Protein backbone atom coordinates (compact mmCIF):
# COMPACT_ATOMS: atom_id res chain seq x y z
CA MET A 1 68.81 28.99 108.63
CA ALA A 2 69.69 31.14 111.65
CA LEU A 3 69.74 34.31 109.55
CA PHE A 4 66.46 33.34 107.87
CA ASP A 5 64.80 32.86 111.27
CA PHE A 6 66.28 36.15 112.44
CA LEU A 7 64.86 38.02 109.45
CA PHE A 8 61.49 36.33 108.99
CA GLY A 9 60.79 34.21 112.07
CA ARG A 10 59.86 37.12 114.33
CA LYS A 11 59.57 40.91 114.37
CA SER A 12 63.00 42.21 113.41
CA LYS A 13 63.84 45.91 113.20
CA LEU A 14 66.00 47.12 110.32
CA ASN A 15 68.46 48.77 112.69
CA GLU A 16 69.61 45.21 113.43
CA LEU A 17 71.12 45.25 109.93
CA GLU A 18 74.10 46.89 111.63
CA ARG A 19 74.93 43.49 113.10
CA MET A 20 75.03 41.87 109.65
CA THR A 21 77.30 42.19 106.65
CA ALA A 22 76.29 42.51 103.02
CA GLY A 23 77.97 39.13 102.50
CA ASP A 24 75.73 37.50 105.12
CA LEU A 25 72.64 38.82 103.37
CA GLU A 26 73.89 37.86 99.90
CA ARG A 27 74.56 34.30 101.03
CA GLU A 28 71.04 34.09 102.44
CA GLN A 29 69.68 35.42 99.15
CA LEU A 30 71.54 32.69 97.24
CA ARG A 31 70.15 30.06 99.62
CA LEU A 32 66.61 31.32 99.07
CA GLU A 33 67.11 31.36 95.29
CA ALA A 34 68.25 27.72 95.41
CA GLN A 35 65.18 26.88 97.52
CA GLN A 36 62.99 28.67 94.99
CA ASP A 37 64.52 26.69 92.11
CA ALA A 38 63.81 23.44 93.97
CA ILE A 39 60.18 24.42 94.58
CA ILE A 40 59.67 25.40 90.94
CA ALA A 41 61.12 22.03 89.87
CA LYS A 42 58.53 20.28 92.08
CA VAL A 43 55.74 22.35 90.52
CA LYS A 44 56.89 21.40 87.02
CA THR A 45 56.94 17.72 87.98
CA LEU A 46 53.44 17.93 89.46
CA GLU A 47 52.11 19.77 86.41
CA SER A 48 53.48 16.99 84.19
CA ARG A 49 51.76 14.41 86.38
CA LYS A 50 48.50 16.39 86.14
CA ASP A 51 48.75 16.32 82.33
CA ALA A 52 49.38 12.59 82.46
CA ALA A 53 46.34 12.06 84.70
CA LEU A 54 44.15 13.97 82.24
CA LYS A 55 45.42 11.95 79.28
CA GLU A 56 45.01 8.68 81.17
CA GLY A 57 41.48 9.62 82.24
CA ALA A 58 40.56 10.36 78.64
CA LYS A 59 41.60 6.83 77.68
CA ARG A 60 39.51 5.13 80.36
CA LYS A 61 36.05 3.91 79.37
CA SER A 62 34.16 3.57 82.64
CA ASP A 63 33.01 6.39 84.93
CA LEU A 64 34.66 4.61 87.86
CA GLU A 65 38.07 4.67 86.17
CA ARG A 66 37.67 8.27 85.08
CA LYS A 67 36.62 9.28 88.58
CA ALA A 68 39.81 7.69 89.93
CA MET A 69 41.87 9.77 87.49
CA ALA A 70 39.87 12.89 88.38
CA VAL A 71 40.62 12.36 92.07
CA ARG A 72 44.30 11.90 91.27
CA TYR A 73 44.30 15.09 89.21
CA LYS A 74 42.59 17.04 92.01
CA GLN A 75 45.14 15.83 94.56
CA LEU A 76 48.05 16.74 92.31
CA ASP A 77 46.52 20.15 91.64
CA ALA A 78 46.17 20.87 95.37
CA GLU A 79 49.77 19.83 95.97
CA SER A 80 50.97 21.98 93.08
CA SER A 81 49.01 24.99 94.36
CA GLY A 82 50.68 24.59 97.76
CA TYR A 83 54.13 24.69 96.19
CA VAL A 84 53.16 27.71 94.06
CA SER A 85 52.20 29.54 97.27
CA GLN A 86 55.57 28.60 98.75
CA ALA A 87 57.38 29.87 95.66
CA ASN A 88 55.53 33.20 95.83
CA LEU A 89 56.46 33.58 99.50
CA VAL A 90 60.12 32.84 98.80
CA SER A 91 60.06 35.34 95.92
CA LYS A 92 58.88 38.03 98.32
CA GLN A 93 61.60 37.08 100.81
CA ILE A 94 64.22 37.28 98.06
CA GLN A 95 63.01 40.78 97.17
CA ILE A 96 63.19 41.86 100.81
CA ILE A 97 66.73 40.50 101.22
CA GLY A 98 67.75 42.23 97.97
CA ARG A 99 66.52 45.55 99.36
CA MET A 100 68.39 44.89 102.61
CA VAL A 101 71.62 44.24 100.73
CA HIS A 102 71.28 47.58 98.98
CA MET A 103 70.45 49.35 102.24
CA LYS A 104 73.49 47.78 103.89
CA ARG A 105 75.73 49.02 101.10
CA GLN A 106 74.31 52.53 101.50
CA GLU A 107 74.34 52.45 105.31
CA SER A 108 77.17 54.98 105.73
CA LEU A 109 75.55 57.49 103.37
CA LEU A 110 72.12 57.05 104.98
CA LYS A 111 73.61 57.69 108.42
CA ARG A 112 75.63 60.65 107.18
CA GLU A 113 72.49 62.30 105.82
CA GLY A 114 70.44 61.49 108.92
CA LEU A 115 68.14 59.11 107.06
CA TRP A 116 69.04 55.82 108.75
CA SER A 117 66.75 56.63 111.68
CA ILE A 118 63.78 56.75 109.25
CA ILE A 119 64.16 53.08 108.35
CA SER A 120 65.69 51.73 111.59
CA SER A 121 62.33 51.15 113.32
CA VAL A 122 60.71 49.34 110.38
CA ASP A 123 59.96 45.62 110.74
CA ALA A 124 61.83 43.55 108.15
CA THR A 125 58.61 41.84 107.03
CA GLU A 126 56.97 45.24 106.45
CA LEU A 127 59.75 46.63 104.27
CA GLU A 128 57.75 46.48 101.02
CA GLN A 129 54.88 48.52 102.49
CA PHE A 130 57.35 50.96 104.04
CA MET A 131 58.95 51.64 100.64
CA LEU A 132 55.51 52.19 99.09
CA ASP A 133 54.67 54.64 101.89
CA MET A 134 57.94 56.50 101.24
CA SER A 135 57.06 56.62 97.54
CA THR A 136 53.69 58.22 98.34
CA LYS A 137 55.31 60.78 100.63
CA ALA A 138 57.93 61.62 98.01
CA LEU A 139 55.21 62.22 95.43
CA GLN A 140 53.57 64.57 97.93
CA GLY A 141 56.78 66.58 98.21
CA ASP A 142 58.43 65.06 101.28
CA ARG A 143 62.13 65.82 100.77
CA GLU A 144 63.47 63.21 103.20
CA ALA A 145 61.40 60.46 101.61
CA GLY A 146 62.50 61.61 98.15
CA ARG A 147 66.18 61.60 99.14
CA LEU A 148 65.83 58.17 100.76
CA LEU A 149 64.37 56.74 97.56
CA GLU A 150 67.08 58.45 95.52
CA ILE A 151 69.85 56.86 97.58
CA LEU A 152 68.19 53.45 97.43
CA GLU A 153 67.41 53.90 93.71
CA GLU A 154 63.71 53.28 94.22
CA PRO A 155 60.95 54.57 91.91
CA THR A 156 58.38 57.01 93.31
CA SER A 157 55.30 55.17 92.06
CA GLY A 158 53.35 51.95 92.49
CA SER A 159 50.92 50.31 94.92
CA PRO A 160 50.69 46.89 96.61
CA GLU A 161 48.10 45.76 94.06
CA GLU A 162 50.11 46.78 90.99
CA GLU A 163 52.45 44.34 89.29
CA ASP A 164 55.98 45.61 88.71
CA PRO A 165 55.85 46.87 85.07
CA ALA A 166 59.51 45.92 84.55
CA LEU A 167 58.77 42.33 85.59
CA GLN A 168 55.75 42.30 83.28
CA LYS A 169 57.91 43.37 80.32
CA ILE A 170 60.49 40.69 81.08
CA MET A 171 57.79 38.02 81.34
CA GLU A 172 56.26 39.18 78.04
CA ALA A 173 59.69 38.89 76.42
CA MET A 174 60.05 35.38 77.85
CA ASN A 175 56.69 34.45 76.34
CA VAL A 176 57.82 35.69 72.93
CA LEU A 177 61.06 33.73 73.28
CA GLY A 178 59.17 30.63 74.32
CA GLU A 179 57.09 30.75 71.13
CA SER A 180 60.18 30.64 68.89
CA ASP A 181 63.57 28.97 68.69
CA ALA A 182 65.70 30.35 71.52
CA THR A 183 68.78 31.02 69.39
CA ASP A 184 71.57 33.30 70.62
CA GLU A 185 70.42 35.92 68.12
CA LYS A 186 66.82 35.74 69.35
CA ILE A 187 67.96 35.98 72.98
CA ASP A 188 70.04 39.06 72.17
CA GLU A 189 67.05 40.60 70.41
CA VAL A 190 64.77 39.96 73.39
CA LYS A 191 67.35 41.35 75.84
CA LYS A 192 67.59 44.48 73.70
CA GLN A 193 63.81 44.89 73.85
CA ILE A 194 63.92 44.52 77.65
CA GLU A 195 66.61 47.22 77.90
CA GLU A 196 64.61 49.56 75.65
CA SER A 197 61.51 49.05 77.82
CA LYS A 198 63.60 49.72 80.92
CA LYS A 199 64.89 53.00 79.46
CA GLU A 200 61.34 54.03 78.48
CA GLY A 201 60.20 53.38 82.05
CA GLU A 202 63.06 55.42 83.49
CA SER A 203 62.26 58.31 81.12
CA ALA A 204 58.61 58.23 82.15
CA GLU A 205 59.57 58.44 85.85
CA ALA A 206 62.00 61.35 85.29
């Protein structure tokens, strides 16, 4: 919890990564992933209870009984929405920690090339926007920004409003898998499609 508070509880500059190890960050990432799994499990339980409330309301004959079920459904929906918001926040925190892990592993190279100072004054909670700004600069021909993205293996495209196309492809593949029997053969086929989409995306960026 101490590391979580350090990273997200207040303004924290990325140069403070020097005081951490990649292992510290990876352990925090695992903790957040476990927290995310627990939140998702709660959402699934609440969604099942919402379905049950709808079915029960449909069985009731009087308006009074149906109104009671409608109120229950509304309460469950509000609770579920709250957990969904929590899950989205944790997802963003997991992405930030993942970037920090990669930065930590490349710290020596970034310092050697004089690029560490570019990221050292960035607030941890503003890392996503910083990377998007670097992407824009790289597209405009900024060599330092381009080299920074190259070291960190970041694409030079995207905007805060755009969904990650790679994530979209994976989710589409999951939808296809969910509509059929998830056999080992089908899973291998879907994974192959994801890899092909990934290669197509990399070719388009080149």
